[in-house]
Protein backbone atom coordinates (compact mmCIF):
# COMPACT_ATOMS: atom_id res chain seq x y z
CA MET A 1 0.09 17.02 20.84
CA LYS A 2 -2.39 16.31 23.61
CA ARG A 3 -3.93 13.80 21.25
CA GLN A 4 -0.66 12.05 20.67
CA VAL A 5 0.09 11.83 24.45
CA ALA A 6 -2.96 10.45 25.22
CA LEU A 7 -3.14 7.77 22.43
CA ALA A 8 0.41 6.69 23.61
CA THR A 9 -0.52 6.59 27.21
CA ALA A 10 -3.66 4.59 26.49
CA LEU A 11 -1.96 2.18 24.42
CA ILE A 12 1.18 1.67 26.68
CA MET A 13 -1.57 1.11 29.93
CA ALA A 14 -2.86 -1.50 27.64
CA MET A 15 0.42 -3.20 27.14
CA TRP A 16 1.08 -2.81 30.87
CA TRP A 17 -2.05 -4.45 32.03
CA ASN A 18 -1.74 -7.23 29.66
CA SER A 19 2.07 -8.07 30.80
CA ALA A 20 0.73 -8.02 34.54
CA THR A 21 -1.01 -10.80 33.84
CA GLY A 22 2.17 -13.02 33.24
CA GLN A 23 1.56 -13.62 29.55
CA GLU A 24 4.10 -13.25 26.87
CA HIS A 25 3.26 -12.70 23.09
CA HIS A 26 5.37 -13.17 20.10
CA THR A 27 4.23 -13.06 16.44
CA PRO A 28 3.76 -16.61 14.79
CA GLU A 29 6.82 -15.90 12.46
CA GLN A 30 9.16 -15.99 15.73
CA GLY A 31 8.25 -19.29 16.62
CA HIS A 32 8.31 -19.13 20.26
CA ALA A 33 7.00 -21.88 22.52
CA THR A 34 5.71 -19.14 24.89
CA GLU A 35 3.56 -17.91 21.85
CA VAL A 36 -0.23 -17.33 23.44
CA ARG A 37 -2.97 -18.21 20.77
CA THR A 38 -5.78 -15.79 21.56
CA ASP A 39 -8.09 -17.67 19.52
CA THR A 40 -7.77 -21.07 21.48
CA VAL A 41 -7.49 -19.50 24.98
CA GLU A 42 -10.60 -20.43 27.03
CA VAL A 43 -12.12 -17.54 28.10
CA LYS A 44 -14.63 -17.68 31.12
CA SER A 45 -15.30 -14.13 31.86
CA VAL A 46 -15.55 -10.72 30.50
CA LYS A 47 -12.68 -9.77 32.54
CA GLU A 48 -10.56 -12.62 30.62
CA LEU A 49 -11.35 -11.26 27.50
CA PHE A 50 -9.12 -8.53 28.15
CA THR A 51 -6.58 -10.04 30.29
CA LYS A 52 -6.05 -12.78 27.93
CA GLY A 53 -5.77 -10.64 25.07
CA GLU A 54 -2.95 -9.92 22.99
CA VAL A 55 -0.52 -6.79 22.45
CA ASP A 56 1.67 -6.47 19.13
CA GLY A 57 3.10 -3.36 17.22
CA HIS A 58 6.52 -2.28 15.87
CA VAL A 59 8.75 0.79 16.54
CA ARG A 60 10.35 1.90 13.09
CA ASN A 61 12.98 4.59 12.09
CA TYR A 62 13.01 5.47 8.58
CA PHE A 63 15.67 7.38 6.64
CA MET A 64 14.95 8.62 3.24
CA ALA A 65 17.48 10.93 0.82
CA THR A 66 16.92 11.66 -2.85
CA TRP A 67 19.47 13.15 -5.26
CA ASN A 68 17.57 14.92 -7.96
CA HIS A 69 19.08 16.24 -11.52
CA ARG A 70 21.53 19.04 -11.54
CA SER A 71 20.38 22.32 -9.96
CA LEU A 72 17.17 20.56 -8.51
CA SER A 73 17.06 20.34 -5.09
CA ASP A 74 17.94 17.33 -2.97
CA ASN A 75 16.34 16.32 0.26
CA TYR A 76 16.45 13.97 3.28
CA ALA A 77 14.49 13.20 6.24
CA ASN A 78 14.46 10.91 9.18
CA ALA A 79 11.06 9.68 10.34
CA ILE A 80 10.68 7.97 13.84
CA GLY A 81 7.49 6.26 15.18
CA ALA A 82 5.43 3.46 16.56
CA GLU A 83 2.22 1.52 16.05
CA ILE A 84 0.70 -0.39 18.98
CA GLY A 85 -2.05 -2.48 18.59
CA TYR A 86 -4.34 -4.56 21.30
CA LYS A 87 -6.86 -7.41 20.31
CA THR A 88 -9.01 -9.36 23.13
CA ALA A 89 -9.35 -12.84 23.09
CA LEU A 90 -12.22 -14.65 21.62
CA LEU A 91 -15.68 -14.81 23.24
CA HIS A 92 -18.01 -16.97 21.44
CA GLY A 93 -15.82 -16.20 18.02
CA PHE A 94 -16.08 -12.48 18.83
CA ARG A 95 -12.96 -10.03 19.60
CA PHE A 96 -12.40 -6.29 19.70
CA GLY A 97 -9.15 -4.61 18.44
CA PHE A 98 -7.79 -1.40 18.10
CA ALA A 99 -4.43 0.15 17.07
CA GLY A 100 -2.80 3.46 16.86
CA LEU A 101 0.37 5.07 15.66
CA PHE A 102 2.32 8.20 15.98
CA THR A 103 5.43 9.64 14.15
CA TYR A 104 8.03 12.30 14.50
CA ASN A 105 10.27 14.18 12.42
CA LEU A 106 13.52 13.67 13.80
CA PHE A 107 15.38 15.48 11.57
CA SER A 108 15.22 16.66 7.71
CA SER A 109 16.12 18.96 5.20
CA ASP A 110 13.43 21.78 4.41
CA ILE A 111 10.81 19.61 3.33
CA GLN A 112 8.11 22.40 3.67
CA GLU A 113 9.86 24.81 1.19
CA PRO A 114 9.42 24.26 -2.64
CA ASP A 115 12.25 23.54 -5.03
CA GLY A 116 13.09 27.04 -6.41
CA ILE A 117 12.93 25.69 -10.13
CA THR A 118 9.79 23.50 -10.24
CA GLY A 119 8.01 25.13 -7.12
CA LYS A 120 7.02 21.66 -5.98
CA LEU A 121 7.44 20.18 -2.56
CA PRO A 122 9.92 17.22 -2.17
CA LYS A 123 7.28 14.42 -2.58
CA LEU A 124 8.78 11.23 -1.49
CA GLU A 125 10.24 12.65 1.77
CA LEU A 126 7.13 14.55 2.53
CA GLU A 127 5.34 11.12 2.27
CA LEU A 128 7.00 9.84 5.49
CA PHE A 129 4.83 12.52 7.53
CA ASP A 130 1.73 14.43 6.49
CA ILE A 131 1.00 15.51 2.86
CA GLU A 132 -1.61 17.70 3.72
CA ASP A 133 0.33 19.88 6.25
CA PRO A 134 4.19 19.79 5.38
CA GLU A 135 5.08 21.99 8.60
CA ASN A 136 3.63 19.34 10.59
CA LYS A 137 6.75 17.59 12.35
CA ALA A 138 5.32 16.35 15.45
CA ASP A 139 1.34 15.89 15.73
CA LEU A 140 1.44 12.99 13.47
CA ASP A 141 -0.93 10.46 15.06
CA ARG A 142 -3.43 8.26 14.13
CA LEU A 143 -6.24 5.61 15.33
CA ASP A 144 -5.29 3.32 12.57
CA GLU A 145 -7.74 0.36 13.86
CA LEU A 146 -10.77 0.06 15.74
CA TYR A 147 -13.02 -2.90 15.05
CA LEU A 148 -15.09 -5.89 16.02
CA ALA A 149 -14.17 -9.29 14.52
CA TYR A 150 -16.17 -12.69 14.30
CA GLN A 151 -14.38 -15.61 13.14
CA SER A 152 -15.50 -19.42 12.95
CA ASP A 153 -14.57 -22.30 10.65
CA ARG A 154 -16.98 -21.34 8.00
CA LEU A 155 -16.71 -17.30 8.36
CA ARG A 156 -14.46 -14.42 9.29
CA ALA A 157 -16.03 -10.97 9.56
CA LYS A 158 -14.77 -7.46 10.76
CA ALA A 159 -16.74 -4.13 10.81
CA GLY A 160 -15.01 -0.66 11.73
CA ARG A 161 -11.66 0.26 11.20
CA PHE A 162 -8.87 -2.11 9.97
CA SER A 163 -6.33 -3.05 7.25
CA PHE A 164 -7.62 -4.58 3.93
CA SER A 165 -5.70 -6.41 1.16
CA SER A 166 -6.42 -7.02 -2.51
CA PRO A 167 -4.96 -6.10 -5.73
CA LEU A 168 -6.09 -2.56 -5.91
CA MET A 169 -6.95 -1.87 -2.22
CA ASN A 170 -4.25 -2.74 0.21
CA PRO A 171 -2.37 -1.16 3.12
CA GLN A 172 1.09 -0.70 1.57
CA ASP A 173 2.88 -0.51 4.82
CA THR A 174 6.05 0.90 3.14
CA ARG A 175 6.05 4.37 4.68
CA MET A 176 5.35 5.33 8.25
CA LYS A 177 1.54 5.10 7.79
CA PRO A 178 -0.43 2.75 5.82
CA TYR A 179 -3.69 2.92 3.93
CA SER A 180 -6.56 2.17 6.44
CA PHE A 181 -10.21 1.56 5.95
CA GLN A 182 -13.62 1.75 7.65
CA GLY A 183 -16.42 -0.33 6.66
CA ILE A 184 -17.29 -4.13 6.81
CA SER A 185 -15.58 -7.06 5.56
CA VAL A 186 -16.46 -10.65 5.39
CA GLU A 187 -14.58 -13.82 4.16
CA VAL A 188 -15.74 -17.10 3.45
CA PRO A 189 -13.41 -19.99 2.99
CA LEU A 190 -14.33 -22.64 0.34
CA GLN A 191 -13.35 -25.88 1.68
CA GLU A 192 -9.57 -25.19 1.74
CA LYS A 193 -9.89 -24.86 -2.40
CA GLY A 194 -10.23 -21.04 -2.00
CA LEU A 195 -11.80 -17.76 -0.19
CA LEU A 196 -14.76 -15.50 -0.79
CA THR A 197 -14.26 -11.98 0.08
CA LEU A 198 -17.09 -9.25 0.53
CA ALA A 199 -16.67 -5.76 1.44
CA TRP A 200 -17.99 -2.50 1.69
CA PHE A 201 -15.88 0.77 2.59
CA ASP A 202 -17.01 4.29 3.08
CA HIS A 203 -14.18 6.06 4.94
CA PHE A 204 -10.39 6.03 4.22
CA SER A 205 -7.43 7.52 5.72
CA PRO A 206 -4.81 7.51 3.15
CA ARG A 207 -1.02 6.66 3.51
CA SER A 208 1.11 9.62 4.48
CA THR A 209 -2.24 11.18 6.18
CA VAL A 210 -3.45 11.47 9.82
CA GLU A 211 -7.08 12.04 9.13
CA TRP A 212 -10.18 9.84 8.13
CA PHE A 213 -12.13 11.06 5.19
CA GLN A 214 -15.62 10.28 3.75
CA ALA A 215 -15.13 8.17 0.35
CA ASP A 216 -16.10 11.28 -1.65
CA GLU A 217 -13.71 13.64 0.42
CA THR A 218 -10.67 11.24 0.08
CA ILE A 219 -10.42 11.34 -3.84
CA GLY A 220 -8.26 14.16 -4.34
CA VAL A 221 -6.11 14.12 -1.19
CA PHE A 222 -3.06 13.17 -3.58
CA SER A 223 -2.07 15.24 -6.36
CA PRO A 224 -4.89 15.14 -9.11
CA GLY A 225 -2.84 15.88 -12.12
CA VAL A 226 -4.40 17.30 -15.18
CA ASP A 227 -7.38 16.39 -17.04
CA GLU A 228 -7.49 15.02 -20.65
CA TYR A 229 -7.07 18.69 -21.93
CA GLY A 230 -4.17 19.69 -19.98
CA SER A 231 -6.19 22.07 -17.38
CA PRO A 232 -5.84 21.24 -13.66
CA SER A 233 -8.27 18.38 -12.47
CA GLY A 234 -11.34 19.75 -11.29
CA TYR A 235 -12.63 17.01 -9.21
CA PRO A 236 -11.09 17.43 -5.75
CA HIS A 237 -13.83 18.40 -3.53
CA HIS A 238 -16.21 18.06 -6.11
CA THR A 239 -16.42 13.75 -6.35
CA ARG A 240 -19.91 12.42 -5.09
CA THR A 241 -19.71 8.87 -3.92
CA LYS A 242 -21.30 6.93 -1.36
CA GLY A 243 -18.04 4.36 -1.21
CA VAL A 244 -16.93 1.11 -2.87
CA ALA A 245 -18.30 -2.37 -2.94
CA VAL A 246 -15.50 -5.10 -3.42
CA ALA A 247 -16.03 -8.69 -4.25
CA GLY A 248 -13.05 -11.25 -4.44
CA LEU A 249 -12.54 -15.03 -5.26
CA GLN A 250 -9.21 -16.58 -4.77
CA LEU A 251 -9.07 -20.03 -5.73
CA ASN A 252 -6.52 -22.97 -5.88
CA PRO A 253 -8.31 -25.62 -7.81
CA ALA A 254 -5.25 -27.65 -8.71
CA ARG A 255 -1.86 -28.28 -6.98
CA ARG A 256 -0.08 -26.21 -9.68
CA LEU A 257 -2.69 -23.68 -10.66
CA SER A 258 -3.86 -20.55 -8.77
CA ALA A 259 -6.30 -17.90 -9.68
CA GLU A 260 -7.90 -14.72 -8.32
CA ALA A 261 -10.93 -12.53 -9.48
CA TRP A 262 -11.60 -8.96 -7.98
CA ASN A 263 -14.51 -6.54 -8.68
CA TYR A 264 -14.38 -2.96 -7.21
CA TRP A 265 -17.89 -1.19 -7.96
CA ILE A 266 -17.23 2.68 -6.56
CA ASP A 267 -20.74 4.07 -6.48
CA ASN A 268 -21.31 6.87 -8.96
CA ILE A 269 -17.94 6.67 -10.29
CA SER A 270 -16.82 3.31 -11.96
CA ASN A 271 -16.62 -0.53 -12.03
CA ASN A 272 -13.37 -2.06 -12.09
CA SER A 273 -12.68 -5.95 -12.77
CA TYR A 274 -9.39 -7.61 -12.29
CA GLY A 275 -8.16 -11.45 -12.43
CA ARG A 276 -5.38 -13.03 -12.91
CA ALA A 277 -3.83 -16.86 -12.93
CA VAL A 278 -0.59 -18.44 -12.39
CA LEU A 279 0.15 -21.87 -13.90
CA GLU A 280 3.13 -24.09 -13.10
CA VAL A 281 4.04 -25.26 -16.67
CA VAL A 282 6.52 -27.61 -15.47
CA PRO A 283 8.74 -28.12 -12.16
CA HIS A 284 10.12 -24.61 -11.35
CA VAL A 285 8.55 -22.72 -14.23
CA LYS A 286 5.54 -20.73 -13.89
CA ALA A 287 3.54 -18.45 -16.37
CA GLY A 288 0.93 -16.06 -15.31
CA VAL A 289 -1.65 -13.71 -17.19
CA GLU A 290 -3.74 -10.85 -15.85
CA GLY A 291 -6.28 -8.27 -16.89
CA LEU A 292 -8.49 -5.39 -15.77
CA TYR A 293 -11.64 -3.68 -17.23
CA GLN A 294 -13.02 -0.47 -16.25
CA PHE A 295 -15.88 1.57 -17.16
CA ARG A 296 -17.93 4.44 -16.00
CA VAL A 297 -20.92 4.48 -13.53
CA GLY A 298 -23.26 6.91 -13.18
CA HIS A 299 -21.96 10.70 -13.55
CA GLY A 300 -18.40 9.45 -12.98
CA GLY A 301 -18.30 11.49 -9.62
CA ASN A 302 -20.19 14.72 -11.02
CA PRO A 303 -22.61 15.22 -13.72
CA GLU A 304 -20.39 18.30 -14.80
CA ALA A 305 -17.69 17.02 -16.94
CA ALA A 306 -14.90 19.28 -15.88
CA GLN A 307 -15.60 18.15 -12.20
CA ALA A 308 -15.96 14.59 -12.82
CA TYR A 309 -13.10 12.07 -11.85
CA PHE A 310 -13.86 9.40 -14.38
CA PRO A 311 -14.58 10.61 -17.85
CA HIS A 312 -16.64 8.86 -20.41
CA GLN A 313 -14.52 5.98 -21.13
CA GLN A 314 -13.93 1.88 -21.30
CA GLN A 315 -10.20 1.17 -20.64
CA TRP A 316 -8.30 -1.96 -20.05
CA LEU A 317 -5.07 -3.39 -19.40
CA ALA A 318 -3.27 -6.80 -19.61
CA GLY A 319 -0.16 -8.54 -18.31
CA GLY A 320 1.97 -11.63 -18.42
CA MET A 321 4.81 -13.34 -16.17
CA LEU A 322 7.26 -15.95 -16.77
CA ALA A 323 9.15 -17.19 -13.92
CA TYR A 324 11.75 -19.54 -13.16
CA GLU A 325 11.99 -20.70 -9.71
CA PRO A 326 15.01 -23.08 -8.74
CA GLY A 327 15.07 -23.73 -4.73
CA SER A 328 15.19 -20.17 -3.21
CA TRP A 329 15.58 -18.06 -6.35
CA HIS A 330 12.86 -16.25 -8.18
CA LEU A 331 13.85 -14.97 -11.61
CA SER A 332 11.08 -13.73 -13.62
CA LEU A 333 10.05 -11.54 -16.96
CA ASN A 334 7.01 -9.22 -16.48
CA TYR A 335 5.04 -7.16 -18.94
CA LEU A 336 2.02 -4.71 -18.63
CA HIS A 337 0.11 -3.18 -21.45
CA VAL A 338 -2.21 -0.19 -20.73
CA GLY A 339 -4.96 0.08 -23.70
CA GLY A 340 -5.42 3.29 -25.66
CA ASP A 341 -9.10 3.97 -24.94
CA GLY A 342 -8.39 6.29 -22.33
CA ARG A 343 -6.25 6.25 -18.94
CA PHE A 344 -6.04 3.38 -16.40
CA LEU A 345 -7.70 5.28 -13.46
CA PHE A 346 -8.42 4.37 -9.73
CA PRO A 347 -7.99 6.41 -6.73
CA ARG A 348 -4.57 6.42 -5.51
CA GLU A 349 -5.48 7.44 -1.89
CA TRP A 350 -7.18 3.75 -1.46
CA GLY A 351 -3.81 1.92 -2.29
CA ARG A 352 -1.41 0.93 -5.07
CA GLU A 353 -1.95 -1.30 -8.03
CA GLN A 354 -0.36 -4.76 -7.48
CA PHE A 355 0.41 -6.28 -11.07
CA PHE A 356 3.05 -8.57 -12.19
CA ALA A 357 5.28 -5.77 -13.41
CA THR A 358 4.83 -3.53 -10.25
CA VAL A 359 7.92 -2.42 -8.67
CA SER A 360 8.80 -0.12 -5.83
CA ARG A 361 8.47 3.85 -6.52
CA GLY A 362 6.48 3.05 -9.78
CA ARG A 363 2.83 3.33 -10.45
CA ILE A 364 1.07 2.86 -13.95
CA GLU A 365 -2.20 4.25 -12.77
CA GLY A 366 -3.08 7.52 -14.75
CA THR A 367 -1.66 6.36 -18.07
CA GLY A 368 -3.09 5.07 -21.20
CA ASN A 369 -1.53 3.37 -24.25
CA ALA A 370 1.72 2.51 -22.26
CA ASP A 371 3.65 -0.33 -21.85
CA LEU A 372 6.21 -1.57 -18.92
CA LEU A 373 8.60 -4.20 -19.13
CA VAL A 374 10.29 -5.37 -15.81
CA ALA A 375 12.91 -8.14 -14.85
CA LYS A 376 13.07 -9.05 -11.38
CA ALA A 377 15.31 -11.64 -9.46
CA ARG A 378 14.80 -12.51 -5.76
CA LYS A 379 16.75 -14.71 -3.50
CA GLN A 380 16.18 -15.94 -0.10
CA TRP A 381 19.70 -16.54 0.98
CA SER A 382 18.57 -17.81 4.58
CA GLY A 383 15.46 -17.42 7.00
CA ARG A 384 16.85 -14.22 7.83
CA PHE A 385 18.11 -12.25 4.74
CA SER A 386 16.64 -11.85 1.40
CA SER A 387 17.49 -9.65 -1.57
CA GLU A 388 15.84 -8.55 -4.75
CA ALA A 389 17.13 -6.68 -8.04
CA ALA A 390 14.91 -5.50 -10.74
CA VAL A 391 15.10 -3.28 -13.99
CA ALA A 392 12.32 -1.54 -15.57
CA LYS A 393 11.62 -0.12 -18.80
CA SER A 394 8.47 1.93 -19.59
CA TRP A 395 7.17 3.24 -22.84
CA LEU A 396 4.50 6.16 -21.98
CA PRO A 397 2.89 8.62 -24.00
CA ASP A 398 4.66 12.20 -24.11
CA ALA A 399 3.98 14.45 -21.02
CA GLN A 400 1.83 16.75 -23.15
CA ASN A 401 -0.33 13.90 -24.27
CA TYR A 402 -2.79 14.64 -21.67
CA ARG A 403 -5.35 12.46 -22.86
CA PHE A 404 -3.05 9.35 -22.04
CA ASN A 405 -0.65 11.21 -19.41
CA LYS A 406 -2.72 12.35 -16.21
CA TYR A 407 0.64 13.10 -14.11
CA GLY A 408 2.90 14.21 -16.84
CA ALA A 409 5.05 10.99 -16.19
CA THR A 410 8.07 10.26 -18.19
CA ALA A 411 9.17 7.34 -19.98
CA TYR A 412 12.12 5.90 -18.33
CA ILE A 413 14.71 3.07 -17.57
CA GLY A 414 14.72 2.19 -13.69
CA TRP A 415 16.29 -0.21 -11.45
CA LEU A 416 16.38 -1.10 -7.70
CA ALA A 417 17.83 -3.17 -5.14
CA ASP A 418 16.27 -4.36 -2.14
CA LEU A 419 17.90 -5.99 0.93
CA ASN A 420 16.06 -7.31 3.79
CA TYR A 421 17.93 -8.73 7.12
CA GLN A 422 17.08 -10.18 10.43
CA PRO A 423 19.96 -10.75 12.92
CA GLU A 424 20.26 -14.20 14.47
CA LYS A 425 21.07 -13.47 17.97
CA PRO A 426 18.37 -14.09 20.44
CA VAL A 427 19.03 -10.85 22.08
CA LEU A 428 18.06 -9.10 18.97
CA ASP A 429 15.01 -11.15 18.12
CA GLY A 430 12.13 -8.73 16.21
CA LEU A 431 14.56 -6.53 14.92
CA ALA A 432 14.67 -6.10 11.27
CA PHE A 433 16.62 -4.06 8.82
CA ARG A 434 15.83 -2.98 5.06
CA LEU A 435 17.93 -1.24 2.63
CA LEU A 436 16.15 0.09 -0.61
CA TYR A 437 17.93 1.84 -3.48
CA VAL A 438 15.84 3.12 -6.54
CA GLY A 439 17.32 4.91 -9.54
CA ARG A 440 15.65 6.20 -12.65
CA VAL A 441 16.79 7.82 -16.14
CA SER A 442 15.51 8.77 -19.26
CA PRO A 443 18.31 8.73 -21.92
CA GLY A 444 17.44 10.23 -25.28
CA THR A 445 14.56 12.24 -24.29
CA GLU A 446 14.38 15.65 -24.44
CA ILE A 447 12.73 16.79 -20.83
CA PRO A 448 12.71 20.16 -19.52
CA LEU A 449 14.57 20.47 -16.12
CA ARG A 450 11.65 21.33 -14.18
CA ASP A 451 9.65 18.07 -15.57
CA MET A 452 12.42 15.88 -14.10
CA TYR A 453 11.75 16.34 -10.33
CA TYR A 454 10.74 13.11 -8.74
CA ASN A 455 9.88 11.95 -12.08
CA THR A 456 12.95 10.70 -13.62
CA ASN A 457 16.79 11.26 -13.42
CA PHE A 458 16.86 10.87 -9.79
CA HIS A 459 18.46 8.49 -7.09
CA ASN A 460 16.42 7.20 -4.15
CA LEU A 461 17.88 5.80 -0.85
CA ASN A 462 15.89 4.22 1.97
CA PHE A 463 17.07 2.59 5.23
CA VAL A 464 14.58 1.31 7.42
CA THR A 465 15.28 -0.26 10.89
CA GLN A 466 12.12 -1.84 12.72
CA LEU A 467 11.55 -3.72 15.92
CA THR A 468 8.41 -5.85 15.80
CA PHE A 469 6.85 -7.31 18.85
């Protein structure tokens, strides 16, 4: 609690100091004429480097409830918290920034108590807080960002702790705490036709945790599932890696074509190459293709096979997308196939895969010889209201087919509705609401009741209120 109070006090003092200079700050999306652009403010002294800096952040309230099948326990939780960040103005292209966040369990069901039938904890509600300490309801603070940045017309670079986005490693800020990264990142714009990204990360703070871990310590923080023989995976606390090197190339070579390619080299574990391309075939019609190929590097994390994260395998996946986008609508059919040469494996503690067929509350990582078909419909009704609906059908190996099913996932039919609204009244500027509902069933499949818990035959409701400043 003392750490939490100290962090909140320091951040509030930084906000007060900044506001005392008479500056007003708003995010670019709000479009206020009084917005201060810290990258264009002229700085004449070290003092002005800080007094002309910028404070931003948000306050978030997150209510979640899940109804599970029959006698399996239902759960709910309400988390409230805030993130406050500060970044200095630019001085010869350099700036310093930091951000901290804290969370409280305002109220909840007994999420620290295992379900009476399965012996498992409520997965989704617990992810609002600290998955490593289910009884922790108040000491949930984290220094999320602390970095030195440089930017010019030809180069952007960051070193320290900061947010990073890519198809496999990303913040995924859809709970109270996002995935955060420590290392160095360099971006080189390519004459307005693309962007080259190079990065190295050796420490991580996974979503739904409060600590920072070395790269090898973080792998296994989330549920490790089973190995290909059905025994509990032995890689937690036994994986050895120095970190991950990331290289990405994003291109827009023509007005109707966009493409990107990424490579993730995880020291002593695996190499993962991903690429996608999207082409506007005719006006309002787009087609996309994507693919990933991965193979083992070094010992896969450990020379002992029973303790290795990545086994002797070469795995691939391929996907496609066909979209129709008239006006503010997006209608698409998305498909993903995971090859039958093993499992698609990438540390869940570093982000969440972003494929064409990706939907909320759904991962394909940990499976092989699998297929996923998703229909999506999005509509931007106005600048302040949007909606999305999706229906998904997965074909997965049997839960006892351990070679292709790491987490005991079950084939399902799923659907979701996602509503986002920002009030128009000026007095409510910065306020936003999100309502997300996810449902999943597995008709015609014989599944023991204990294997359904947060796996299939459930309904999940989320209501998020956020004030961004």
